[in-house]
Amino acid sequence: QLQASGGGLVQTGGSLRLSCAAPGRTFNSAALAWFRQAPGKARELVASITWIGDYTLYADSVKGRFTITKHNAENMVTVDLQMNSLQPEDTAVYYCSARSYGRKTYNQWGQGTLVTVSS
């Protein structure tokens, strides 16, 4: 099960780092990602990274401000999302997710972590 952490309250222009721990059973994943869902809005992809870390993808709204990275450890993988220059519109519940090989959509989800950016 994916375990997300690192959310909180920050002022506009501030930074936060989210972290997601992915246990061994996600090792058959093709990609890992962070999504977010703001109140009254649909869940959206924020950033993704391939399992081998050779390709990243960002939503236009976060390009140049957010960075997704992947770190390997024994029987565990962590996927971090460094968020800089945060804006009130970044306020949302953030979810980490994994997409298994052969799947077209993300099929493994962690619990959400709330990020609130005050103006």
N, C-alpha and C. Protein backbone atom coordinates (compact mmCIF):
# COMPACT_ATOMS: atom_id res chain seq x y z
N GLN A 1 0.84 -1.19 0.00
CA GLN A 1 0.00 0.00 0.00
C GLN A 1 0.88 1.24 0.00
N LEU A 2 0.49 2.21 -0.80
CA LEU A 2 1.26 3.44 -0.89
C LEU A 2 0.96 4.32 0.31
N GLN A 3 2.00 4.90 0.87
CA GLN A 3 1.85 5.74 2.05
C GLN A 3 2.39 7.13 1.74
N ALA A 4 1.49 8.11 1.73
CA ALA A 4 1.88 9.48 1.43
C ALA A 4 2.02 10.29 2.70
N SER A 5 2.94 11.24 2.68
CA SER A 5 3.15 12.12 3.82
C SER A 5 3.71 13.45 3.34
N GLY A 6 3.69 14.43 4.23
CA GLY A 6 4.34 15.70 3.94
C GLY A 6 3.42 16.87 3.68
N GLY A 7 2.12 16.67 3.69
CA GLY A 7 1.22 17.78 3.46
C GLY A 7 1.21 18.73 4.64
N GLY A 8 0.54 19.87 4.46
CA GLY A 8 0.46 20.84 5.53
C GLY A 8 -0.01 22.18 5.03
N LEU A 9 0.16 23.16 5.90
CA LEU A 9 -0.25 24.54 5.59
C LEU A 9 1.00 25.37 5.31
N VAL A 10 0.95 26.12 4.22
CA VAL A 10 2.08 26.95 3.84
C VAL A 10 1.55 28.24 3.24
N GLN A 11 2.33 29.30 3.35
CA GLN A 11 1.94 30.57 2.77
C GLN A 11 2.27 30.61 1.27
N THR A 12 1.61 31.50 0.57
CA THR A 12 1.89 31.68 -0.86
C THR A 12 3.37 31.96 -1.07
N GLY A 13 3.94 31.24 -2.03
CA GLY A 13 5.35 31.38 -2.33
C GLY A 13 6.23 30.40 -1.59
N GLY A 14 5.64 29.68 -0.66
CA GLY A 14 6.40 28.73 0.14
C GLY A 14 6.62 27.40 -0.56
N SER A 15 7.24 26.47 0.16
CA SER A 15 7.57 25.16 -0.40
C SER A 15 7.13 24.05 0.54
N LEU A 16 6.83 22.91 -0.06
CA LEU A 16 6.55 21.69 0.68
C LEU A 16 7.12 20.53 -0.11
N ARG A 17 7.42 19.47 0.60
CA ARG A 17 7.90 18.25 -0.05
C ARG A 17 7.01 17.10 0.37
N LEU A 18 6.38 16.47 -0.59
CA LEU A 18 5.56 15.30 -0.33
C LEU A 18 6.39 14.05 -0.60
N SER A 19 6.13 13.01 0.16
CA SER A 19 6.84 11.77 -0.02
C SER A 19 5.86 10.61 -0.04
N CYS A 20 6.11 9.63 -0.87
CA CYS A 20 5.25 8.46 -0.98
C CYS A 20 6.13 7.22 -0.91
N ALA A 21 5.84 6.37 0.03
CA ALA A 21 6.57 5.12 0.18
C ALA A 21 5.82 4.01 -0.52
N ALA A 22 6.49 3.34 -1.43
CA ALA A 22 5.88 2.26 -2.20
C ALA A 22 6.56 0.94 -1.82
N PRO A 23 5.81 0.01 -1.25
CA PRO A 23 6.41 -1.24 -0.83
C PRO A 23 6.72 -2.16 -2.00
N GLY A 24 7.28 -3.28 -1.70
CA GLY A 24 7.78 -4.19 -2.72
C GLY A 24 6.78 -4.59 -3.78
N ARG A 25 5.50 -4.66 -3.44
CA ARG A 25 4.54 -5.16 -4.42
C ARG A 25 4.29 -4.19 -5.55
N THR A 26 4.79 -2.99 -5.43
CA THR A 26 4.65 -2.04 -6.53
C THR A 26 5.83 -2.14 -7.49
N PHE A 27 6.70 -3.11 -7.27
CA PHE A 27 7.87 -3.20 -8.11
C PHE A 27 7.54 -3.62 -9.53
N ASN A 28 6.31 -4.05 -9.78
CA ASN A 28 5.92 -4.36 -11.15
C ASN A 28 5.22 -3.18 -11.80
N SER A 29 5.44 -2.01 -11.27
CA SER A 29 4.77 -0.83 -11.79
C SER A 29 5.52 -0.24 -12.96
N ALA A 30 4.76 0.32 -13.90
CA ALA A 30 5.35 0.99 -15.05
C ALA A 30 5.68 2.43 -14.74
N ALA A 31 4.88 3.03 -13.84
CA ALA A 31 5.08 4.44 -13.54
C ALA A 31 4.49 4.75 -12.17
N LEU A 32 4.97 5.83 -11.60
CA LEU A 32 4.48 6.35 -10.33
C LEU A 32 4.10 7.80 -10.55
N ALA A 33 3.14 8.26 -9.78
CA ALA A 33 2.66 9.61 -10.04
C ALA A 33 2.06 10.25 -8.80
N TRP A 34 1.92 11.56 -8.88
CA TRP A 34 1.15 12.32 -7.90
C TRP A 34 -0.03 12.95 -8.63
N PHE A 35 -1.21 12.79 -8.02
CA PHE A 35 -2.42 13.43 -8.48
C PHE A 35 -2.87 14.40 -7.39
N ARG A 36 -3.81 15.27 -7.73
CA ARG A 36 -4.42 16.12 -6.72
C ARG A 36 -5.88 16.35 -7.05
N GLN A 37 -6.64 16.64 -6.00
CA GLN A 37 -8.05 16.94 -6.17
C GLN A 37 -8.42 18.11 -5.27
N ALA A 38 -8.78 19.20 -5.90
CA ALA A 38 -9.21 20.39 -5.18
C ALA A 38 -10.71 20.30 -4.93
N PRO A 39 -11.22 21.00 -3.94
CA PRO A 39 -12.65 20.96 -3.64
C PRO A 39 -13.48 21.32 -4.87
N GLY A 40 -14.45 20.45 -5.19
CA GLY A 40 -15.34 20.71 -6.30
C GLY A 40 -14.75 20.47 -7.66
N LYS A 41 -13.53 19.93 -7.71
CA LYS A 41 -12.89 19.69 -9.00
C LYS A 41 -12.53 18.22 -9.15
N ALA A 42 -12.29 17.84 -10.39
CA ALA A 42 -11.91 16.46 -10.67
C ALA A 42 -10.44 16.23 -10.29
N ARG A 43 -10.13 14.99 -10.03
CA ARG A 43 -8.74 14.64 -9.74
C ARG A 43 -7.91 14.84 -11.01
N GLU A 44 -6.72 15.41 -10.84
CA GLU A 44 -5.86 15.67 -11.99
C GLU A 44 -4.45 15.17 -11.74
N LEU A 45 -3.81 14.78 -12.83
CA LEU A 45 -2.42 14.36 -12.76
C LEU A 45 -1.53 15.58 -12.56
N VAL A 46 -0.67 15.52 -11.56
CA VAL A 46 0.27 16.60 -11.29
C VAL A 46 1.62 16.31 -11.92
N ALA A 47 2.13 15.12 -11.65
CA ALA A 47 3.44 14.73 -12.18
C ALA A 47 3.56 13.22 -12.15
N SER A 48 4.32 12.69 -13.09
CA SER A 48 4.55 11.26 -13.12
C SER A 48 6.00 10.98 -13.49
N ILE A 49 6.45 9.78 -13.15
CA ILE A 49 7.81 9.37 -13.46
C ILE A 49 7.77 7.88 -13.78
N THR A 50 8.53 7.47 -14.79
CA THR A 50 8.57 6.07 -15.14
C THR A 50 9.32 5.28 -14.06
N TRP A 51 9.09 3.99 -14.04
CA TRP A 51 9.70 3.16 -12.99
C TRP A 51 11.23 3.28 -13.00
N ILE A 52 11.81 3.33 -14.20
CA ILE A 52 13.27 3.42 -14.23
C ILE A 52 13.73 4.87 -14.16
N GLY A 53 12.81 5.79 -14.06
CA GLY A 53 13.16 7.18 -13.83
C GLY A 53 13.69 7.94 -15.02
N ASP A 54 13.42 7.42 -16.23
CA ASP A 54 14.02 8.07 -17.39
C ASP A 54 13.11 9.09 -18.04
N TYR A 55 11.88 9.20 -17.54
CA TYR A 55 10.96 10.14 -18.17
C TYR A 55 10.01 10.69 -17.12
N THR A 56 9.84 12.00 -17.12
CA THR A 56 8.90 12.64 -16.22
C THR A 56 7.90 13.46 -17.02
N LEU A 57 6.75 13.64 -16.44
CA LEU A 57 5.67 14.39 -17.08
C LEU A 57 5.05 15.29 -16.03
N TYR A 58 4.77 16.55 -16.41
CA TYR A 58 4.19 17.50 -15.49
C TYR A 58 2.96 18.17 -16.08
N ALA A 59 2.00 18.47 -15.23
CA ALA A 59 0.88 19.31 -15.66
C ALA A 59 1.43 20.70 -15.98
N ASP A 60 0.83 21.35 -16.95
CA ASP A 60 1.31 22.67 -17.34
C ASP A 60 1.30 23.64 -16.16
N SER A 61 0.34 23.49 -15.29
CA SER A 61 0.18 24.42 -14.17
C SER A 61 1.29 24.34 -13.14
N VAL A 62 2.07 23.25 -13.17
CA VAL A 62 3.13 23.10 -12.15
C VAL A 62 4.53 23.06 -12.75
N LYS A 63 4.63 23.11 -14.07
CA LYS A 63 5.94 23.05 -14.70
C LYS A 63 6.83 24.19 -14.21
N GLY A 64 8.05 23.85 -13.89
CA GLY A 64 9.00 24.85 -13.40
C GLY A 64 8.90 25.11 -11.91
N ARG A 65 7.86 24.59 -11.27
CA ARG A 65 7.70 24.79 -9.82
C ARG A 65 7.79 23.48 -9.04
N PHE A 66 7.30 22.41 -9.63
CA PHE A 66 7.28 21.11 -8.96
C PHE A 66 8.30 20.19 -9.61
N THR A 67 8.88 19.29 -8.79
CA THR A 67 9.81 18.31 -9.29
C THR A 67 9.51 16.96 -8.67
N ILE A 68 9.35 15.95 -9.52
CA ILE A 68 9.11 14.60 -9.03
C ILE A 68 10.40 13.80 -9.14
N THR A 69 10.73 13.07 -8.09
CA THR A 69 11.93 12.25 -8.08
C THR A 69 11.61 10.89 -7.46
N LYS A 70 12.40 9.91 -7.80
CA LYS A 70 12.20 8.55 -7.33
C LYS A 70 13.50 8.05 -6.70
N HIS A 71 13.36 7.38 -5.57
CA HIS A 71 14.53 6.89 -4.86
C HIS A 71 14.31 5.42 -4.51
N ASN A 72 15.33 4.63 -4.74
CA ASN A 72 15.25 3.20 -4.47
C ASN A 72 15.95 2.85 -3.16
N ALA A 73 15.32 1.96 -2.44
CA ALA A 73 15.92 1.41 -1.23
C ALA A 73 15.57 -0.07 -1.18
N GLU A 74 16.14 -0.77 -0.27
CA GLU A 74 15.88 -2.21 -0.18
C GLU A 74 14.40 -2.43 0.09
N ASN A 75 13.72 -3.14 -0.82
CA ASN A 75 12.30 -3.50 -0.68
C ASN A 75 11.38 -2.29 -0.56
N MET A 76 11.85 -1.14 -0.97
CA MET A 76 11.03 0.05 -0.86
C MET A 76 11.45 1.07 -1.91
N VAL A 77 10.46 1.75 -2.44
CA VAL A 77 10.72 2.86 -3.36
C VAL A 77 9.98 4.08 -2.82
N THR A 78 10.62 5.22 -2.86
CA THR A 78 9.93 6.45 -2.47
C THR A 78 9.85 7.38 -3.67
N VAL A 79 8.74 8.04 -3.76
CA VAL A 79 8.53 9.02 -4.83
C VAL A 79 8.21 10.35 -4.15
N ASP A 80 9.05 11.32 -4.38
CA ASP A 80 8.90 12.62 -3.76
C ASP A 80 8.39 13.66 -4.75
N LEU A 81 7.67 14.61 -4.22
CA LEU A 81 7.21 15.74 -5.02
C LEU A 81 7.64 17.01 -4.30
N GLN A 82 8.65 17.66 -4.84
CA GLN A 82 9.10 18.94 -4.29
C GLN A 82 8.27 20.04 -4.91
N MET A 83 7.60 20.80 -4.08
CA MET A 83 6.69 21.84 -4.57
C MET A 83 7.21 23.20 -4.11
N ASN A 84 7.58 24.03 -5.05
CA ASN A 84 8.08 25.36 -4.77
C ASN A 84 7.13 26.42 -5.32
N SER A 85 7.28 27.62 -4.84
CA SER A 85 6.45 28.75 -5.31
C SER A 85 4.97 28.39 -5.28
N LEU A 86 4.55 27.85 -4.16
CA LEU A 86 3.17 27.39 -4.06
C LEU A 86 2.19 28.56 -4.11
N GLN A 87 1.08 28.29 -4.75
CA GLN A 87 0.02 29.26 -4.93
C GLN A 87 -1.28 28.74 -4.33
N PRO A 88 -2.21 29.64 -3.99
CA PRO A 88 -3.47 29.17 -3.42
C PRO A 88 -4.18 28.14 -4.29
N GLU A 89 -4.03 28.23 -5.59
CA GLU A 89 -4.67 27.26 -6.49
C GLU A 89 -4.04 25.88 -6.43
N ASP A 90 -2.92 25.75 -5.72
CA ASP A 90 -2.32 24.44 -5.51
C ASP A 90 -2.97 23.71 -4.33
N THR A 91 -3.84 24.39 -3.61
CA THR A 91 -4.52 23.78 -2.49
C THR A 91 -5.36 22.60 -2.97
N ALA A 92 -5.12 21.45 -2.37
CA ALA A 92 -5.81 20.23 -2.79
C ALA A 92 -5.38 19.08 -1.89
N VAL A 93 -6.07 17.98 -2.03
CA VAL A 93 -5.61 16.73 -1.46
C VAL A 93 -4.75 16.06 -2.52
N TYR A 94 -3.54 15.70 -2.13
CA TYR A 94 -2.58 15.10 -3.06
C TYR A 94 -2.52 13.59 -2.81
N TYR A 95 -2.53 12.83 -3.90
CA TYR A 95 -2.50 11.38 -3.83
C TYR A 95 -1.32 10.84 -4.63
N CYS A 96 -0.64 9.85 -4.06
CA CYS A 96 0.36 9.16 -4.87
C CYS A 96 -0.29 7.91 -5.46
N SER A 97 0.25 7.50 -6.59
CA SER A 97 -0.37 6.40 -7.32
C SER A 97 0.66 5.65 -8.12
N ALA A 98 0.33 4.41 -8.45
CA ALA A 98 1.19 3.58 -9.29
C ALA A 98 0.36 2.95 -10.40
N ARG A 99 1.00 2.78 -11.53
CA ARG A 99 0.33 2.14 -12.68
C ARG A 99 1.07 0.85 -13.01
N SER A 100 0.37 -0.25 -12.93
CA SER A 100 1.00 -1.55 -13.19
C SER A 100 1.29 -1.70 -14.67
N TYR A 101 2.27 -2.53 -14.97
CA TYR A 101 2.55 -2.83 -16.37
C TYR A 101 1.32 -3.43 -17.02
N GLY A 102 1.04 -3.00 -18.25
CA GLY A 102 -0.10 -3.50 -18.98
C GLY A 102 -1.38 -2.73 -18.72
N ARG A 103 -1.34 -1.84 -17.74
CA ARG A 103 -2.53 -1.05 -17.45
C ARG A 103 -2.40 0.33 -18.09
N LYS A 104 -3.49 0.86 -18.56
CA LYS A 104 -3.50 2.18 -19.18
C LYS A 104 -3.81 3.27 -18.18
N THR A 105 -4.35 2.87 -17.04
CA THR A 105 -4.67 3.86 -16.03
C THR A 105 -3.99 3.49 -14.71
N TYR A 106 -3.87 4.44 -13.83
CA TYR A 106 -3.28 4.21 -12.52
C TYR A 106 -4.25 3.40 -11.67
N ASN A 107 -3.74 2.33 -11.10
CA ASN A 107 -4.60 1.38 -10.42
C ASN A 107 -4.26 1.14 -8.96
N GLN A 108 -3.20 1.76 -8.47
CA GLN A 108 -2.86 1.63 -7.05
C GLN A 108 -2.80 3.03 -6.46
N TRP A 109 -3.44 3.19 -5.30
CA TRP A 109 -3.57 4.52 -4.73
C TRP A 109 -3.22 4.51 -3.25
N GLY A 110 -2.60 5.60 -2.83
CA GLY A 110 -2.36 5.80 -1.42
C GLY A 110 -3.43 6.72 -0.85
N GLN A 111 -3.38 6.91 0.46
CA GLN A 111 -4.32 7.86 1.05
C GLN A 111 -3.88 9.26 0.68
N GLY A 112 -4.75 10.20 0.72
CA GLY A 112 -4.40 11.55 0.35
C GLY A 112 -3.72 12.30 1.48
N THR A 113 -3.00 13.34 1.10
CA THR A 113 -2.41 14.24 2.07
C THR A 113 -2.78 15.66 1.66
N LEU A 114 -3.27 16.43 2.63
CA LEU A 114 -3.81 17.75 2.33
C LEU A 114 -2.71 18.80 2.28
N VAL A 115 -2.73 19.57 1.21
CA VAL A 115 -1.85 20.72 1.07
C VAL A 115 -2.73 21.96 1.00
N THR A 116 -2.48 22.88 1.91
CA THR A 116 -3.25 24.13 1.94
C THR A 116 -2.29 25.29 1.80
N VAL A 117 -2.55 26.13 0.81
CA VAL A 117 -1.70 27.29 0.57
C VAL A 117 -2.53 28.54 0.88
N SER A 118 -2.09 29.28 1.88
CA SER A 118 -2.83 30.46 2.30
C SER A 118 -2.34 31.69 1.53
N SER A 119 -3.27 32.58 1.24
CA SER A 119 -2.93 33.79 0.48
C SER A 119 -2.54 34.93 1.41
